[in-house]
Protein backbone atom coordinates (compact mmCIF):
# COMPACT_ATOMS: atom_id res chain seq x y z
CA MET A 1 0.43 2.76 20.63
CA ARG A 2 3.37 1.81 18.43
CA LEU A 3 2.80 4.77 16.10
CA LYS A 4 2.14 7.44 18.73
CA ASP A 5 2.82 10.95 17.38
CA LYS A 6 3.60 9.59 13.90
CA VAL A 7 2.02 10.94 10.70
CA ALA A 8 1.19 8.57 7.86
CA VAL A 9 -0.06 8.76 4.29
CA VAL A 10 -1.94 5.75 2.94
CA THR A 11 -2.73 5.65 -0.76
CA GLY A 12 -5.77 3.67 -1.80
CA GLY A 13 -6.81 4.28 1.78
CA ALA A 14 -10.58 4.49 1.33
CA SER A 15 -11.29 0.76 1.01
CA GLY A 16 -9.93 -2.77 1.28
CA ILE A 17 -6.38 -3.21 2.55
CA GLY A 18 -5.84 0.55 2.57
CA GLU A 19 -8.84 1.22 4.79
CA ALA A 20 -7.78 -1.54 7.19
CA ALA A 21 -4.29 -0.03 7.33
CA VAL A 22 -5.67 3.44 8.04
CA ARG A 23 -7.82 2.11 10.87
CA ASP A 24 -4.98 0.09 12.39
CA MET A 25 -2.50 2.97 12.21
CA VAL A 26 -4.97 5.31 13.90
CA GLU A 27 -5.56 2.74 16.65
CA GLU A 28 -1.79 2.59 17.14
CA GLY A 29 -1.63 6.36 17.63
CA ALA A 30 -0.90 7.77 14.17
CA ARG A 31 -2.58 10.63 12.36
CA VAL A 32 -3.30 9.69 8.77
CA VAL A 33 -3.84 11.28 5.37
CA ILE A 34 -6.25 9.05 3.46
CA ALA A 35 -5.30 9.37 -0.21
CA ASP A 36 -7.65 7.95 -2.83
CA ILE A 37 -9.82 8.73 -5.85
CA SER A 38 -12.98 7.49 -4.07
CA ASP A 39 -13.95 10.81 -2.53
CA GLU A 40 -17.20 9.81 -0.83
CA SER A 41 -15.71 6.73 0.86
CA GLY A 42 -12.52 8.53 1.86
CA GLU A 43 -14.30 11.52 3.37
CA LYS A 44 -16.73 9.24 5.21
CA LEU A 45 -13.86 7.23 6.70
CA ALA A 46 -12.04 10.37 7.86
CA ARG A 47 -15.19 11.73 9.51
CA LYS A 48 -15.84 8.43 11.27
CA LEU A 49 -12.32 8.18 12.66
CA ASN A 50 -12.36 11.78 13.87
CA GLU A 51 -15.73 11.29 15.56
CA ASP A 52 -14.70 8.01 17.18
CA HIS A 53 -11.50 9.49 18.61
CA ASN A 54 -12.93 12.94 19.34
CA GLU A 55 -9.94 14.61 17.69
CA LYS A 56 -8.43 15.20 14.27
CA LYS A 57 -6.93 11.80 13.47
CA ALA A 58 -7.48 11.68 9.70
CA VAL A 59 -7.97 13.88 6.66
CA TYR A 60 -8.94 12.87 3.15
CA CYS A 61 -7.05 13.96 0.03
CA HIS A 62 -8.08 13.19 -3.55
CA VAL A 63 -5.02 11.73 -5.26
CA ASP A 64 -4.40 10.02 -8.58
CA VAL A 65 -1.03 8.43 -7.80
CA SER A 66 -0.05 8.39 -11.48
CA ASN A 67 -0.13 12.22 -11.48
CA GLU A 68 3.02 13.85 -10.10
CA GLU A 69 1.31 17.13 -9.24
CA GLU A 70 -1.30 15.30 -7.18
CA THR A 71 1.25 13.19 -5.29
CA GLN A 72 3.14 16.35 -4.40
CA LYS A 73 -0.14 17.88 -3.16
CA MET A 74 -0.76 14.76 -1.06
CA VAL A 75 2.53 15.14 0.80
CA LYS A 76 1.99 18.87 1.25
CA THR A 77 -1.39 18.05 2.80
CA ALA A 78 0.36 15.92 5.43
CA GLU A 79 2.77 18.76 6.18
CA ARG A 80 0.03 21.39 6.28
CA LYS A 81 -2.41 19.41 8.42
CA PHE A 82 -0.01 17.49 10.67
CA GLU A 83 3.38 19.26 10.23
CA ARG A 84 5.43 16.20 9.29
CA LEU A 85 5.47 12.82 7.51
CA ASP A 86 6.86 9.67 9.09
CA ILE A 87 5.13 6.81 7.26
CA LEU A 88 4.10 6.25 3.65
CA PHE A 89 2.08 3.19 2.66
CA CYS A 90 1.96 2.97 -1.15
CA ASN A 91 -1.10 0.77 -1.43
CA ALA A 92 -3.07 2.12 -4.41
CA GLY A 93 -3.24 -0.36 -7.26
CA ILE A 94 -5.31 -1.79 -10.08
CA GLY A 95 -5.35 -5.10 -11.96
CA ASP A 96 -6.15 -6.42 -15.39
CA ILE A 97 -6.69 -9.88 -16.86
CA ALA A 98 -5.93 -10.53 -20.53
CA MET A 99 -3.94 -12.78 -22.80
CA THR A 100 -0.73 -10.94 -23.56
CA ASP A 101 -1.16 -11.02 -27.34
CA GLU A 102 -4.59 -9.43 -26.87
CA LEU A 103 -3.56 -6.87 -24.25
CA LYS A 104 -4.07 -3.30 -25.47
CA LEU A 105 -1.11 -0.98 -24.98
CA GLU A 106 -3.25 1.59 -23.19
CA LYS A 107 -4.40 -1.02 -20.65
CA TRP A 108 -0.83 -2.18 -20.07
CA GLN A 109 0.26 1.43 -19.59
CA LYS A 110 -2.54 2.23 -17.14
CA VAL A 111 -1.57 -0.65 -14.83
CA ILE A 112 2.12 0.30 -14.97
CA ASP A 113 1.28 3.98 -14.42
CA VAL A 114 -0.72 3.29 -11.25
CA ASN A 115 1.06 0.27 -9.75
CA LEU A 116 4.69 1.09 -10.50
CA THR A 117 5.08 4.71 -11.58
CA GLY A 118 2.58 5.69 -8.87
CA VAL A 119 4.77 4.13 -6.19
CA PHE A 120 7.81 5.98 -7.58
CA LEU A 121 5.97 9.33 -7.62
CA CYS A 122 4.65 8.98 -4.06
CA ILE A 123 8.08 8.04 -2.73
CA LYS A 124 9.76 10.82 -4.68
CA ALA A 125 7.39 13.33 -3.09
CA ALA A 126 7.71 11.90 0.43
CA ILE A 127 11.46 11.51 0.84
CA PRO A 128 12.40 15.22 1.07
CA VAL A 129 9.81 15.70 3.82
CA MET A 130 10.99 12.62 5.74
CA LYS A 131 14.55 13.87 5.57
CA LYS A 132 13.56 17.03 7.45
CA THR A 133 12.76 15.01 10.58
CA GLY A 134 15.55 12.47 10.32
CA GLY A 135 13.90 9.58 8.50
CA GLY A 136 10.80 7.51 8.18
CA SER A 137 9.29 4.25 7.03
CA ILE A 138 8.02 3.53 3.51
CA ILE A 139 5.97 0.41 2.87
CA ASN A 140 5.01 -0.61 -0.64
CA CYS A 141 2.14 -2.96 -1.36
CA ALA A 142 3.51 -5.52 -3.80
CA SER A 143 1.96 -8.98 -4.21
CA ILE A 144 2.65 -12.68 -4.38
CA LEU A 145 2.56 -12.00 -8.13
CA GLY A 146 5.75 -10.01 -7.72
CA HIS A 147 7.38 -13.34 -6.81
CA VAL A 148 5.53 -15.94 -8.91
CA GLY A 149 3.86 -15.85 -12.31
CA GLN A 150 0.25 -16.30 -13.28
CA ALA A 151 -1.27 -16.55 -16.74
CA GLN A 152 -3.11 -13.55 -18.18
CA THR A 153 -1.61 -11.08 -15.71
CA ALA A 154 1.40 -9.75 -17.63
CA SER A 155 0.87 -6.08 -16.76
CA TYR A 156 0.06 -6.73 -13.10
CA THR A 157 2.93 -9.17 -12.48
CA ALA A 158 5.36 -6.85 -14.28
CA SER A 159 4.28 -3.92 -12.12
CA LYS A 160 4.47 -5.83 -8.85
CA GLY A 161 7.80 -7.42 -9.75
CA GLY A 162 9.04 -3.90 -10.34
CA VAL A 163 7.79 -2.81 -6.92
CA VAL A 164 9.56 -5.75 -5.26
CA ASN A 165 12.94 -4.88 -6.73
CA MET A 166 12.49 -1.10 -6.48
CA THR A 167 11.90 -1.64 -2.76
CA ARG A 168 15.33 -3.26 -2.46
CA ALA A 169 17.02 -0.51 -4.48
CA LEU A 170 15.49 2.32 -2.46
CA ALA A 171 16.30 0.60 0.83
CA ALA A 172 19.96 0.63 -0.15
CA GLU A 173 19.75 4.18 -1.46
CA TYR A 174 18.20 5.83 1.60
CA ALA A 175 19.35 3.77 4.58
CA ASP A 176 21.91 6.40 5.57
CA GLU A 177 19.09 8.99 5.63
CA GLY A 178 17.23 7.01 8.28
CA ILE A 179 14.54 5.98 5.79
CA ARG A 180 13.55 2.32 5.76
CA VAL A 181 11.84 0.90 2.66
CA ASN A 182 9.99 -2.42 2.78
CA ALA A 183 7.10 -4.13 1.03
CA VAL A 184 4.19 -6.30 2.00
CA CYS A 185 3.29 -8.99 -0.52
CA PRO A 186 -0.27 -10.21 0.04
CA GLY A 187 -1.77 -13.40 -1.26
CA TYR A 188 -5.43 -13.41 -2.24
CA ILE A 189 -7.26 -11.19 0.24
CA ASP A 190 -10.98 -11.23 0.93
CA THR A 191 -11.96 -7.83 -0.47
CA PRO A 192 -14.71 -6.75 -2.90
CA LEU A 193 -12.22 -7.34 -5.74
CA LEU A 194 -12.96 -11.07 -5.38
CA ASP A 195 -16.75 -10.67 -5.48
CA GLY A 196 -16.88 -11.19 -9.23
CA LEU A 197 -15.35 -14.66 -9.04
CA ASP A 198 -17.56 -17.73 -9.14
CA GLU A 199 -17.43 -20.27 -6.32
CA ASN A 200 -15.34 -22.77 -8.29
CA MET A 201 -12.64 -20.17 -8.92
CA LYS A 202 -12.73 -19.01 -5.30
CA ASN A 203 -12.35 -22.58 -4.08
CA HIS A 204 -9.46 -23.14 -6.49
CA LEU A 205 -7.66 -20.04 -5.24
CA ILE A 206 -8.27 -20.96 -1.61
CA SER A 207 -6.74 -24.38 -2.29
CA ARG A 208 -3.50 -22.68 -3.36
CA HIS A 209 -3.08 -21.31 0.18
CA PRO A 210 -1.89 -24.01 2.62
CA ILE A 211 -3.65 -22.17 5.45
CA GLY A 212 -6.89 -22.99 3.62
CA ARG A 213 -8.58 -19.62 3.26
CA PHE A 214 -8.25 -16.13 1.86
CA GLY A 215 -6.45 -13.54 3.95
CA THR A 216 -8.21 -10.56 5.50
CA PRO A 217 -7.40 -6.87 4.97
CA GLU A 218 -6.75 -6.61 8.71
CA GLU A 219 -4.02 -9.26 8.54
CA VAL A 220 -2.18 -7.28 5.87
CA ALA A 221 -2.73 -4.09 7.86
CA LYS A 222 -1.11 -5.61 10.95
CA ALA A 223 1.97 -6.53 8.92
CA THR A 224 2.09 -3.02 7.49
CA THR A 225 1.86 -1.40 10.91
CA PHE A 226 4.69 -3.62 12.13
CA LEU A 227 6.94 -2.49 9.27
CA ALA A 228 5.96 1.13 9.93
CA SER A 229 6.82 0.91 13.61
CA ASP A 230 10.09 1.00 15.52
CA ASP A 231 9.63 -2.72 16.18
CA ALA A 232 11.01 -3.12 12.64
CA SER A 233 13.89 -0.67 13.13
CA PHE A 234 16.50 -3.10 11.74
CA ILE A 235 14.38 -4.20 8.77
CA THR A 236 14.81 -2.56 5.39
CA GLY A 237 14.75 -3.92 1.86
CA ALA A 238 12.47 -6.77 2.95
CA ASN A 239 9.49 -8.13 1.05
CA LEU A 240 7.19 -9.57 3.69
CA LEU A 241 4.94 -12.29 2.26
CA VAL A 242 1.48 -12.23 3.84
CA ASP A 243 0.14 -15.07 1.73
CA GLY A 244 -1.02 -18.00 3.83
CA GLY A 245 1.84 -20.07 2.43
CA TYR A 246 0.92 -19.54 -1.24
CA THR A 247 4.54 -19.07 -2.36
CA ALA A 248 5.87 -21.80 -0.04
CA VAL A 249 4.53 -24.69 -2.13
């Protein structure tokens, strides 16, 4: 129960890595605000967790992380429902694949708005609430593509590179407030986002991971819970690669 009596917000929490993180945090004792735009999935997950634990362990909140008013509402939901905020996992994100000279400005802007500006807005909303109780832990979901390049992913790699370095800047900025800021940087994870790939592409991507397989959402969730917990009390400004060795070779 490493997160006993803690309150967390997880963006993009209704599916994939976010859902796995929500489940793991609840198992470790936290109460969680599931923030997403997928209302049906988010509400279903919250109901399931509350039924399984026979108490109010989760609530769902519709949040577009690129909208400042909605991110403020998200944090107020945590305060109203659970009276505090100790952990923020900025996980919501989108991708896009295009040659850079063919990339439409509006598509570039959408990825930056969600993946980078969204992280900024969530953190901006959370920090004043964390200060009230003496600190907290912020974890940003970056990517291996915040550390290495890949063709046809200019908007995504730019956004995740920004998250990687913003994590370092905020760690330095808020350490004296008792707020730790770290990032997890997943490799390719076995989520529905990979379902559209053909077998040849999947096998190629798997071959880039020395471990020889895709990661699982649960493996990223475990790393996130570690960074959220007091086990990581002397860790801030870190970008934890959860990538099966992808960036090691």
